[in-house]
Amino acid sequence: MRTQVSITQNDVDLYNGLGYLVVRNAFTENRIQSLLAAVDRLIDRALAGDCEIGWINKDSRLPARVGHLLYPDKYDHAYADWLGEDLAPHIEALLGNEPVRHSLFGMLASGGGQPYCQSWHRDLCKPGEDGEESFLLRHHGEFVQLNAPLLPADRFLNIVPASHLRASTFQELTAVNKDASLSMPGAIELKLEPGDIVYYNANLWHRGWNPNGDKRWTMHCAFWKAGCPVMKHEFGQREILLKHVDEMPMVASQYVQNYIENYPESDPKSFLQL
């Protein structure tokens, strides 16, 4: 069953202009429960020693951030089914209906009262450098990432809307360099519930902000147009994904295969070198 929430051209225009798009009720209660069950199975496997993950508190079944959920030891069909049935129509619309490749697929996790407070940042550029705006414009539309909470009251992603295609301002650079806890000019707190998804440009000014250490399980994934070469920050996944790419459902398999086909044999470039 494919998603019942479509992304319109108006949604695409909003995403391109603001650098983010929130889709409410993008997947069903049944899907939420299937993903929660997959995470519980992952925790069971990790506790049994069948895979390794980081922990906030093992006794309380609180994992730390988990990466590579498409790897064989962490894989669950629930992830791939969600990707193919709910996410893919959105991802492909936001990337211009071109072929897509995998980049990262994991889950952000907090809890146990341990604060998690990121500094304000852009993922794929160096704020304040000469040519910052032209660099951002040159790679616009080639990638998308998403957060999708599995637990209620997700308030942990802060962003500065429409900051993804312009040079960093003096005020932004001052706030980052002076005190990472400062509020950024124009920033908003995104309020999400299970079933919601926020798609966003990784070069928005953003941060993860959970000073109380509230429990958080938020799916976090990134995808690129298939023609974009695999870069240094996503290098190293080919051999392990090859072990079971043929066992995945069609869409997940194709996204991973597109990653494999664009994999450099050596010396991958960083995003800043493209």
C-alpha atoms as a PDB file:
ATOM      1  CA  MET A   1       0.000   0.000   0.000  1.00  0.00           C
ATOM      2  CA  ARG A   2       1.506   3.304  -1.082  1.00  0.00           C
ATOM      3  CA  THR A   3       1.196   6.529   0.843  1.00  0.00           C
ATOM      4  CA  GLN A   4      -2.103   8.360   0.670  1.00  0.00           C
ATOM      5  CA  VAL A   5      -0.435  11.760   1.167  1.00  0.00           C
ATOM      6  CA  SER A   6       0.911  13.110  -2.099  1.00  0.00           C
ATOM      7  CA  ILE A   7       3.382  15.930  -2.565  1.00  0.00           C
ATOM      8  CA  THR A   8       2.051  18.539  -4.977  1.00  0.00           C
ATOM      9  CA  GLN A   9       3.962  20.974  -7.136  1.00  0.00           C
ATOM     10  CA  ASN A  10       3.048  23.674  -4.636  1.00  0.00           C
ATOM     11  CA  ASP A  11       4.681  21.561  -1.911  1.00  0.00           C
ATOM     12  CA  VAL A  12       7.813  21.213  -4.038  1.00  0.00           C
ATOM     13  CA  ASP A  13       7.904  24.970  -4.575  1.00  0.00           C
ATOM     14  CA  LEU A  14       7.556  25.576  -0.822  1.00  0.00           C
ATOM     15  CA  TYR A  15      10.323  23.088  -0.106  1.00  0.00           C
ATOM     16  CA  ASN A  16      12.652  24.735  -2.609  1.00  0.00           C
ATOM     17  CA  GLY A  17      11.897  28.204  -1.280  1.00  0.00           C
ATOM     18  CA  LEU A  18      11.984  27.525   2.452  1.00  0.00           C
ATOM     19  CA  GLY A  19      14.395  24.594   2.499  1.00  0.00           C
ATOM     20  CA  TYR A  20      11.967  22.357   4.363  1.00  0.00           C
ATOM     21  CA  LEU A  21       8.520  20.794   4.074  1.00  0.00           C
ATOM     22  CA  VAL A  22       6.443  19.276   6.861  1.00  0.00           C
ATOM     23  CA  VAL A  23       4.023  16.550   5.732  1.00  0.00           C
ATOM     24  CA  ARG A  24       1.434  15.788   8.412  1.00  0.00           C
ATOM     25  CA  ASN A  25       0.058  12.263   8.808  1.00  0.00           C
ATOM     26  CA  ALA A  26       2.345  11.043   6.067  1.00  0.00           C
ATOM     27  CA  PHE A  27       2.149   7.467   7.301  1.00  0.00           C
ATOM     28  CA  THR A  28      -0.442   5.518   9.228  1.00  0.00           C
ATOM     29  CA  GLU A  29      -0.728   4.245  12.784  1.00  0.00           C
ATOM     30  CA  ASN A  30      -0.087   0.735  11.462  1.00  0.00           C
ATOM     31  CA  ARG A  31       3.161   1.934   9.913  1.00  0.00           C
ATOM     32  CA  ILE A  32       4.187   3.673  13.139  1.00  0.00           C
ATOM     33  CA  GLN A  33       3.613   0.453  15.048  1.00  0.00           C
ATOM     34  CA  SER A  34       5.533  -1.628  12.499  1.00  0.00           C
ATOM     35  CA  LEU A  35       8.547   0.694  12.783  1.00  0.00           C
ATOM     36  CA  LEU A  36       8.384   0.707  16.588  1.00  0.00           C
ATOM     37  CA  ALA A  37       8.274  -3.081  16.534  1.00  0.00           C
ATOM     38  CA  ALA A  38      11.308  -3.127  14.227  1.00  0.00           C
ATOM     39  CA  VAL A  39      13.239  -0.950  16.675  1.00  0.00           C
ATOM     40  CA  ASP A  40      12.244  -3.257  19.531  1.00  0.00           C
ATOM     41  CA  ARG A  41      13.490  -6.248  17.529  1.00  0.00           C
ATOM     42  CA  LEU A  42      16.759  -4.424  16.912  1.00  0.00           C
ATOM     43  CA  ILE A  43      17.155  -3.799  20.641  1.00  0.00           C
ATOM     44  CA  ASP A  44      16.450  -7.484  21.318  1.00  0.00           C
ATOM     45  CA  ARG A  45      19.132  -8.530  18.810  1.00  0.00           C
ATOM     46  CA  ALA A  46      21.627  -6.075  20.276  1.00  0.00           C
ATOM     47  CA  LEU A  47      20.970  -7.295  23.818  1.00  0.00           C
ATOM     48  CA  ALA A  48      21.438 -10.879  22.602  1.00  0.00           C
ATOM     49  CA  GLY A  49      24.783  -9.967  21.044  1.00  0.00           C
ATOM     50  CA  ASP A  50      23.638 -10.478  17.457  1.00  0.00           C
ATOM     51  CA  CYS A  51      24.533  -6.909  16.457  1.00  0.00           C
ATOM     52  CA  GLU A  52      26.257  -3.928  18.006  1.00  0.00           C
ATOM     53  CA  ILE A  53      24.685  -0.565  18.742  1.00  0.00           C
ATOM     54  CA  GLY A  54      25.519   2.243  21.132  1.00  0.00           C
ATOM     55  CA  TRP A  55      23.586   2.679  24.336  1.00  0.00           C
ATOM     56  CA  ILE A  56      22.335   5.474  26.535  1.00  0.00           C
ATOM     57  CA  ASN A  57      21.155   2.914  29.078  1.00  0.00           C
ATOM     58  CA  LYS A  58      21.184  -0.765  28.154  1.00  0.00           C
ATOM     59  CA  ASP A  59      19.193  -1.850  31.214  1.00  0.00           C
ATOM     60  CA  SER A  60      16.410   0.558  30.271  1.00  0.00           C
ATOM     61  CA  ARG A  61      16.482  -0.459  26.581  1.00  0.00           C
ATOM     62  CA  LEU A  62      17.551   3.042  25.558  1.00  0.00           C
ATOM     63  CA  PRO A  63      19.738   2.945  22.446  1.00  0.00           C
ATOM     64  CA  ALA A  64      21.940   5.819  21.390  1.00  0.00           C
ATOM     65  CA  ARG A  65      21.771   7.094  17.822  1.00  0.00           C
ATOM     66  CA  VAL A  66      21.736   4.140  15.425  1.00  0.00           C
ATOM     67  CA  GLY A  67      23.156   4.276  11.915  1.00  0.00           C
ATOM     68  CA  HIS A  68      23.083   1.898   8.955  1.00  0.00           C
ATOM     69  CA  LEU A  69      19.680   0.337   9.531  1.00  0.00           C
ATOM     70  CA  LEU A  70      19.855  -1.158   6.027  1.00  0.00           C
ATOM     71  CA  TYR A  71      22.953  -3.200   6.969  1.00  0.00           C
ATOM     72  CA  PRO A  72      22.252  -6.952   7.246  1.00  0.00           C
ATOM     73  CA  ASP A  73      22.763  -7.149  11.016  1.00  0.00           C
ATOM     74  CA  LYS A  74      20.327  -4.288  11.727  1.00  0.00           C
ATOM     75  CA  TYR A  75      17.990  -4.666   8.754  1.00  0.00           C
ATOM     76  CA  ASP A  76      14.254  -5.177   9.104  1.00  0.00           C
ATOM     77  CA  HIS A  77      11.726  -5.406   6.262  1.00  0.00           C
ATOM     78  CA  ALA A  78       9.666  -2.773   8.068  1.00  0.00           C
ATOM     79  CA  TYR A  79      12.272  -0.147   7.170  1.00  0.00           C
ATOM     80  CA  ALA A  80      12.387  -1.090   3.503  1.00  0.00           C
ATOM     81  CA  ASP A  81       8.607  -1.335   3.217  1.00  0.00           C
ATOM     82  CA  TRP A  82       8.263   2.156   4.695  1.00  0.00           C
ATOM     83  CA  LEU A  83      10.863   3.481   2.285  1.00  0.00           C
ATOM     84  CA  GLY A  84       9.196   1.973  -0.764  1.00  0.00           C
ATOM     85  CA  GLU A  85       5.584   2.648   0.100  1.00  0.00           C
ATOM     86  CA  ASP A  86       5.558   5.953   2.018  1.00  0.00           C
ATOM     87  CA  LEU A  87       8.847   7.763   1.471  1.00  0.00           C
ATOM     88  CA  ALA A  88       9.784   7.071  -2.132  1.00  0.00           C
ATOM     89  CA  PRO A  89       6.911   9.026  -3.768  1.00  0.00           C
ATOM     90  CA  HIS A  90       7.851  12.073  -1.672  1.00  0.00           C
ATOM     91  CA  ILE A  91      11.612  11.759  -2.163  1.00  0.00           C
ATOM     92  CA  GLU A  92      11.277  11.359  -5.909  1.00  0.00           C
ATOM     93  CA  ALA A  93       8.945  14.349  -6.199  1.00  0.00           C
ATOM     94  CA  LEU A  94      11.326  16.551  -4.195  1.00  0.00           C
ATOM     95  CA  LEU A  95      14.284  15.436  -6.353  1.00  0.00           C
ATOM     96  CA  GLY A  96      12.571  16.217  -9.631  1.00  0.00           C
ATOM     97  CA  ASN A  97      11.318  12.694 -10.360  1.00  0.00           C
ATOM     98  CA  GLU A  98      14.823  11.523 -11.199  1.00  0.00           C
ATOM     99  CA  PRO A  99      16.402   8.218 -10.095  1.00  0.00           C
ATOM    100  CA  VAL A 100      17.445   8.235  -6.432  1.00  0.00           C
ATOM    101  CA  ARG A 101      20.265   6.643  -4.479  1.00  0.00           C
ATOM    102  CA  HIS A 102      20.717   5.770  -0.823  1.00  0.00           C
ATOM    103  CA  SER A 103      23.012   7.838   1.393  1.00  0.00           C
ATOM    104  CA  LEU A 104      22.123   7.212   5.047  1.00  0.00           C
ATOM    105  CA  PHE A 105      19.334   5.440   6.888  1.00  0.00           C
ATOM    106  CA  GLY A 106      19.212   5.460  10.673  1.00  0.00           C
ATOM    107  CA  MET A 107      17.481   6.671  13.820  1.00  0.00           C
ATOM    108  CA  LEU A 108      18.220   9.612  16.100  1.00  0.00           C
ATOM    109  CA  ALA A 109      17.833   8.635  19.734  1.00  0.00           C
ATOM    110  CA  SER A 110      17.975  10.389  23.096  1.00  0.00           C
ATOM    111  CA  GLY A 111      16.660   9.748  26.580  1.00  0.00           C
ATOM    112  CA  GLY A 112      17.457   8.868  30.131  1.00  0.00           C
ATOM    113  CA  GLY A 113      17.767  12.524  31.093  1.00  0.00           C
ATOM    114  CA  GLN A 114      21.042  12.873  29.163  1.00  0.00           C
ATOM    115  CA  PRO A 115      21.053  16.257  27.406  1.00  0.00           C
ATOM    116  CA  TYR A 116      21.688  16.301  23.673  1.00  0.00           C
ATOM    117  CA  CYS A 117      22.533  19.789  22.457  1.00  0.00           C
ATOM    118  CA  GLN A 118      24.090  20.325  19.042  1.00  0.00           C
ATOM    119  CA  SER A 119      25.695  23.533  17.905  1.00  0.00           C
ATOM    120  CA  TRP A 120      24.032  25.384  15.063  1.00  0.00           C
ATOM    121  CA  HIS A 121      25.478  24.091  11.793  1.00  0.00           C
ATOM    122  CA  ARG A 122      25.113  23.466   8.094  1.00  0.00           C
ATOM    123  CA  ASP A 123      25.936  19.884   7.120  1.00  0.00           C
ATOM    124  CA  LEU A 124      27.582  20.305   3.734  1.00  0.00           C
ATOM    125  CA  CYS A 125      29.344  23.637   3.541  1.00  0.00           C
ATOM    126  CA  LYS A 126      31.691  25.888   5.504  1.00  0.00           C
ATOM    127  CA  PRO A 127      29.750  28.896   6.801  1.00  0.00           C
ATOM    128  CA  GLY A 128      31.360  32.241   6.170  1.00  0.00           C
ATOM    129  CA  GLU A 129      33.776  31.122   3.463  1.00  0.00           C
ATOM    130  CA  ASP A 130      34.109  33.041   0.219  1.00  0.00           C
ATOM    131  CA  GLY A 131      31.727  31.732  -2.423  1.00  0.00           C
ATOM    132  CA  GLU A 132      29.358  30.211   0.133  1.00  0.00           C
ATOM    133  CA  GLU A 133      26.204  31.277  -1.699  1.00  0.00           C
ATOM    134  CA  SER A 134      27.362  30.141  -5.142  1.00  0.00           C
ATOM    135  CA  PHE A 135      28.354  26.791  -3.660  1.00  0.00           C
ATOM    136  CA  LEU A 136      24.916  26.334  -2.098  1.00  0.00           C
ATOM    137  CA  LEU A 137      23.155  27.269  -5.328  1.00  0.00           C
ATOM    138  CA  ARG A 138      25.357  24.955  -7.408  1.00  0.00           C
ATOM    139  CA  HIS A 139      24.223  21.859  -5.505  1.00  0.00           C
ATOM    140  CA  HIS A 140      20.623  22.861  -4.871  1.00  0.00           C
ATOM    141  CA  GLY A 141      18.109  20.118  -5.615  1.00  0.00           C
ATOM    142  CA  GLU A 142      20.580  17.223  -5.594  1.00  0.00           C
ATOM    143  CA  PHE A 143      19.771  15.828  -2.138  1.00  0.00           C
ATOM    144  CA  VAL A 144      17.147  15.658   0.585  1.00  0.00           C
ATOM    145  CA  GLN A 145      17.101  14.421   4.145  1.00  0.00           C
ATOM    146  CA  LEU A 146      14.259  13.755   6.541  1.00  0.00           C
ATOM    147  CA  ASN A 147      13.259  13.333  10.160  1.00  0.00           C
ATOM    148  CA  ALA A 148      10.223  11.235  11.070  1.00  0.00           C
ATOM    149  CA  PRO A 149       9.444  10.781  14.788  1.00  0.00           C
ATOM    150  CA  LEU A 150       8.136   7.511  16.165  1.00  0.00           C
ATOM    151  CA  LEU A 151       7.358   8.957  19.620  1.00  0.00           C
ATOM    152  CA  PRO A 152       5.009  11.832  20.573  1.00  0.00           C
ATOM    153  CA  ALA A 153       5.952  15.471  21.162  1.00  0.00           C
ATOM    154  CA  ASP A 154       9.053  15.609  18.990  1.00  0.00           C
ATOM    155  CA  ARG A 155      10.348  19.169  19.459  1.00  0.00           C
ATOM    156  CA  PHE A 156      14.031  18.572  18.919  1.00  0.00           C
ATOM    157  CA  LEU A 157      14.819  19.960  15.459  1.00  0.00           C
ATOM    158  CA  ASN A 158      15.426  23.722  15.256  1.00  0.00           C
ATOM    159  CA  ILE A 159      15.866  25.341  11.842  1.00  0.00           C
ATOM    160  CA  VAL A 160      16.245  28.741  10.227  1.00  0.00           C
ATOM    161  CA  PRO A 161      13.782  28.708   7.298  1.00  0.00           C
ATOM    162  CA  ALA A 162      15.046  29.849   3.887  1.00  0.00           C
ATOM    163  CA  SER A 163      18.680  29.902   5.023  1.00  0.00           C
ATOM    164  CA  HIS A 164      19.776  27.122   2.650  1.00  0.00           C
ATOM    165  CA  LEU A 165      20.575  29.128  -0.498  1.00  0.00           C
ATOM    166  CA  ARG A 166      22.240  32.232   0.873  1.00  0.00           C
ATOM    167  CA  ALA A 167      25.491  33.141   2.541  1.00  0.00           C
ATOM    168  CA  SER A 168      25.530  33.076   6.326  1.00  0.00           C
ATOM    169  CA  THR A 169      24.802  36.426   7.910  1.00  0.00           C
ATOM    170  CA  PHE A 170      27.094  38.239  10.327  1.00  0.00           C
ATOM    171  CA  GLN A 171      24.535  37.652  13.095  1.00  0.00           C
ATOM    172  CA  GLU A 172      24.444  33.912  12.378  1.00  0.00           C
ATOM    173  CA  LEU A 173      28.208  33.569  12.375  1.00  0.00           C
ATOM    174  CA  THR A 174      28.450  35.610  15.566  1.00  0.00           C
ATOM    175  CA  ALA A 175      25.865  33.437  17.335  1.00  0.00           C
ATOM    176  CA  VAL A 176      27.696  30.242  16.364  1.00  0.00           C
ATOM    177  CA  ASN A 177      31.166  31.455  17.269  1.00  0.00           C
ATOM    178  CA  LYS A 178      30.170  33.149  20.524  1.00  0.00           C
ATOM    179  CA  ASP A 179      27.820  30.689  22.234  1.00  0.00           C
ATOM    180  CA  ALA A 180      26.326  27.585  20.642  1.00  0.00           C
ATOM    181  CA  SER A 181      23.362  27.697  23.027  1.00  0.00           C
ATOM    182  CA  LEU A 182      22.164  31.047  21.714  1.00  0.00           C
ATOM    183  CA  SER A 183      19.006  31.212  19.663  1.00  0.00           C
ATOM    184  CA  MET A 184      19.687  31.872  16.007  1.00  0.00           C
ATOM    185  CA  PRO A 185      17.946  34.871  14.410  1.00  0.00           C
ATOM    186  CA  GLY A 186      14.778  33.714  12.666  1.00  0.00           C
ATOM    187  CA  ALA A 187      14.945  30.173  14.072  1.00  0.00           C
ATOM    188  CA  ILE A 188      11.860  28.047  14.705  1.00  0.00           C
ATOM    189  CA  GLU A 189      11.233  24.848  16.641  1.00  0.00           C
ATOM    190  CA  LEU A 190       9.547  22.178  14.536  1.00  0.00           C
ATOM    191  CA  LYS A 191       6.729  20.393  16.332  1.00  0.00           C
ATOM    192  CA  LEU A 192       6.136  16.888  15.016  1.00  0.00           C
ATOM    193  CA  GLU A 193       4.079  13.872  15.996  1.00  0.00           C
ATOM    194  CA  PRO A 194       4.358  10.214  14.944  1.00  0.00           C
ATOM    195  CA  GLY A 195       3.300   9.918  11.317  1.00  0.00           C
ATOM    196  CA  ASP A 196       4.645  13.373  10.434  1.00  0.00           C
ATOM    197  CA  ILE A 197       7.747  13.844   8.302  1.00  0.00           C
ATOM    198  CA  VAL A 198       9.918  16.903   7.802  1.00  0.00           C
ATOM    199  CA  TYR A 199      11.966  16.905   4.612  1.00  0.00           C
ATOM    200  CA  TYR A 200      14.758  19.456   4.706  1.00  0.00           C
ATOM    201  CA  ASN A 201      17.854  20.688   2.989  1.00  0.00           C
ATOM    202  CA  ALA A 202      20.928  19.703   4.999  1.00  0.00           C
ATOM    203  CA  ASN A 203      22.388  23.174   4.451  1.00  0.00           C
ATOM    204  CA  LEU A 204      19.675  24.962   6.363  1.00  0.00           C
ATOM    205  CA  TRP A 205      21.045  26.348   9.587  1.00  0.00           C
ATOM    206  CA  HIS A 206      19.801  23.717  12.041  1.00  0.00           C
ATOM    207  CA  ARG A 207      20.527  21.884  15.258  1.00  0.00           C
ATOM    208  CA  GLY A 208      19.224  19.029  17.383  1.00  0.00           C
ATOM    209  CA  TRP A 209      18.197  20.464  20.752  1.00  0.00           C
ATOM    210  CA  ASN A 210      17.108  18.241  23.637  1.00  0.00           C
ATOM    211  CA  PRO A 211      18.501  19.823  26.832  1.00  0.00           C
ATOM    212  CA  ASN A 212      16.270  17.734  29.119  1.00  0.00           C
ATOM    213  CA  GLY A 213      17.291  14.421  27.612  1.00  0.00           C
ATOM    214  CA  ASP A 214      13.703  13.451  26.803  1.00  0.00           C
ATOM    215  CA  LYS A 215      13.184  10.126  25.070  1.00  0.00           C
ATOM    216  CA  ARG A 216      13.474  10.481  21.321  1.00  0.00           C
ATOM    217  CA  TRP A 217      13.254   7.933  18.517  1.00  0.00           C
ATOM    218  CA  THR A 218      13.291   9.756  15.192  1.00  0.00           C
ATOM    219  CA  MET A 219      13.993   8.091  11.875  1.00  0.00           C
ATOM    220  CA  HIS A 220      16.679  10.043  10.025  1.00  0.00           C
ATOM    221  CA  CYS A 221      17.547   9.364   6.393  1.00  0.00           C
ATOM    222  CA  ALA A 222      19.209  11.060   3.419  1.00  0.00           C
ATOM    223  CA  PHE A 223      19.011  10.466  -0.320  1.00  0.00           C
ATOM    224  CA  TRP A 224      20.692  11.881  -3.431  1.00  0.00           C
ATOM    225  CA  LYS A 225      19.980  11.950  -7.102  1.00  0.00           C
ATOM    226  CA  ALA A 226      21.385   8.718  -8.456  1.00  0.00           C
ATOM    227  CA  GLY A 227      23.935  10.415 -10.688  1.00  0.00           C
ATOM    228  CA  CYS A 228      25.730  12.098  -7.785  1.00  0.00           C
ATOM    229  CA  PRO A 229      28.960  10.272  -6.891  1.00  0.00           C
ATOM    230  CA  VAL A 230      29.279   8.669  -3.479  1.00  0.00           C
ATOM    231  CA  MET A 231      31.277  11.063  -1.308  1.00  0.00           C
ATOM    232  CA  LYS A 232      33.728  10.724   1.549  1.00  0.00           C
ATOM    233  CA  HIS A 233      31.114  11.165   4.284  1.00  0.00           C
ATOM    234  CA  GLU A 234      29.018   8.252   2.922  1.00  0.00           C
ATOM    235  CA  PHE A 235      31.883   6.060   1.691  1.00  0.00           C
ATOM    236  CA  GLY A 236      32.473   2.540   2.997  1.00  0.00           C
ATOM    237  CA  GLN A 237      29.005   0.985   2.736  1.00  0.00           C
ATOM    238  CA  ARG A 238      29.332  -0.932  -0.548  1.00  0.00           C
ATOM    239  CA  GLU A 239      30.702  -4.291   0.547  1.00  0.00           C
ATOM    240  CA  ILE A 240      28.289  -4.832   3.403  1.00  0.00           C
ATOM    241  CA  LEU A 241      25.241  -3.649   1.417  1.00  0.00           C
ATOM    242  CA  LEU A 242      26.173  -5.998  -1.436  1.00  0.00           C
ATOM    243  CA  LYS A 243      25.583  -8.908   0.936  1.00  0.00           C
ATOM    244  CA  HIS A 244      21.828  -8.513   0.850  1.00  0.00           C
ATOM    245  CA  VAL A 245      20.777  -5.846  -1.649  1.00  0.00           C
ATOM    246  CA  ASP A 246      19.042  -8.533  -3.729  1.00  0.00           C
ATOM    247  CA  GLU A 247      16.932  -9.562  -0.738  1.00  0.00           C
ATOM    248  CA  MET A 248      15.398  -6.107  -0.242  1.00  0.00           C
ATOM    249  CA  PRO A 249      12.039  -5.053  -1.702  1.00  0.00           C
ATOM    250  CA  MET A 250      12.225  -3.420  -5.107  1.00  0.00           C
ATOM    251  CA  VAL A 251      12.498   0.292  -4.220  1.00  0.00           C
ATOM    252  CA  ALA A 252      14.986  -0.103  -1.383  1.00  0.00           C
ATOM    253  CA  SER A 253      17.021  -2.489  -3.531  1.00  0.00           C
ATOM    254  CA  GLN A 254      17.121  -0.001  -6.405  1.00  0.00           C
ATOM    255  CA  TYR A 255      18.134   2.915  -4.182  1.00  0.00           C
ATOM    256  CA  VAL A 256      20.948   0.851  -2.696  1.00  0.00           C
ATOM    257  CA  GLN A 257      21.990  -0.460  -6.116  1.00  0.00           C
ATOM    258  CA  ASN A 258      22.215   3.128  -7.374  1.00  0.00           C
ATOM    259  CA  TYR A 259      24.552   3.862  -4.455  1.00  0.00           C
ATOM    260  CA  ILE A 260      26.692   0.857  -5.356  1.00  0.00           C
ATOM    261  CA  GLU A 261      26.876   1.847  -9.033  1.00  0.00           C
ATOM    262  CA  ASN A 262      28.121   5.346  -8.173  1.00  0.00           C
ATOM    263  CA  TYR A 263      30.765   4.099  -5.739  1.00  0.00           C
ATOM    264  CA  PRO A 264      34.353   5.247  -6.398  1.00  0.00           C
ATOM    265  CA  GLU A 265      37.059   2.621  -6.207  1.00  0.00           C
ATOM    266  CA  SER A 266      39.306   4.910  -4.187  1.00  0.00           C
ATOM    267  CA  ASP A 267      39.811   8.471  -2.978  1.00  0.00           C
ATOM    268  CA  PRO A 268      36.201   9.600  -2.710  1.00  0.00           C
ATOM    269  CA  LYS A 269      35.714  13.339  -2.916  1.00  0.00           C
ATOM    270  CA  SER A 270      34.199  15.396  -0.166  1.00  0.00           C
ATOM    271  CA  PHE A 271      31.082  17.406  -0.941  1.00  0.00           C
ATOM    272  CA  LEU A 272      33.190  20.549  -0.850  1.00  0.00           C
ATOM    273  CA  GLN A 273      35.329  19.178  -3.696  1.00  0.00           C
ATOM    274  CA  LEU A 274      32.431  18.617  -6.114  1.00  0.00           C
END
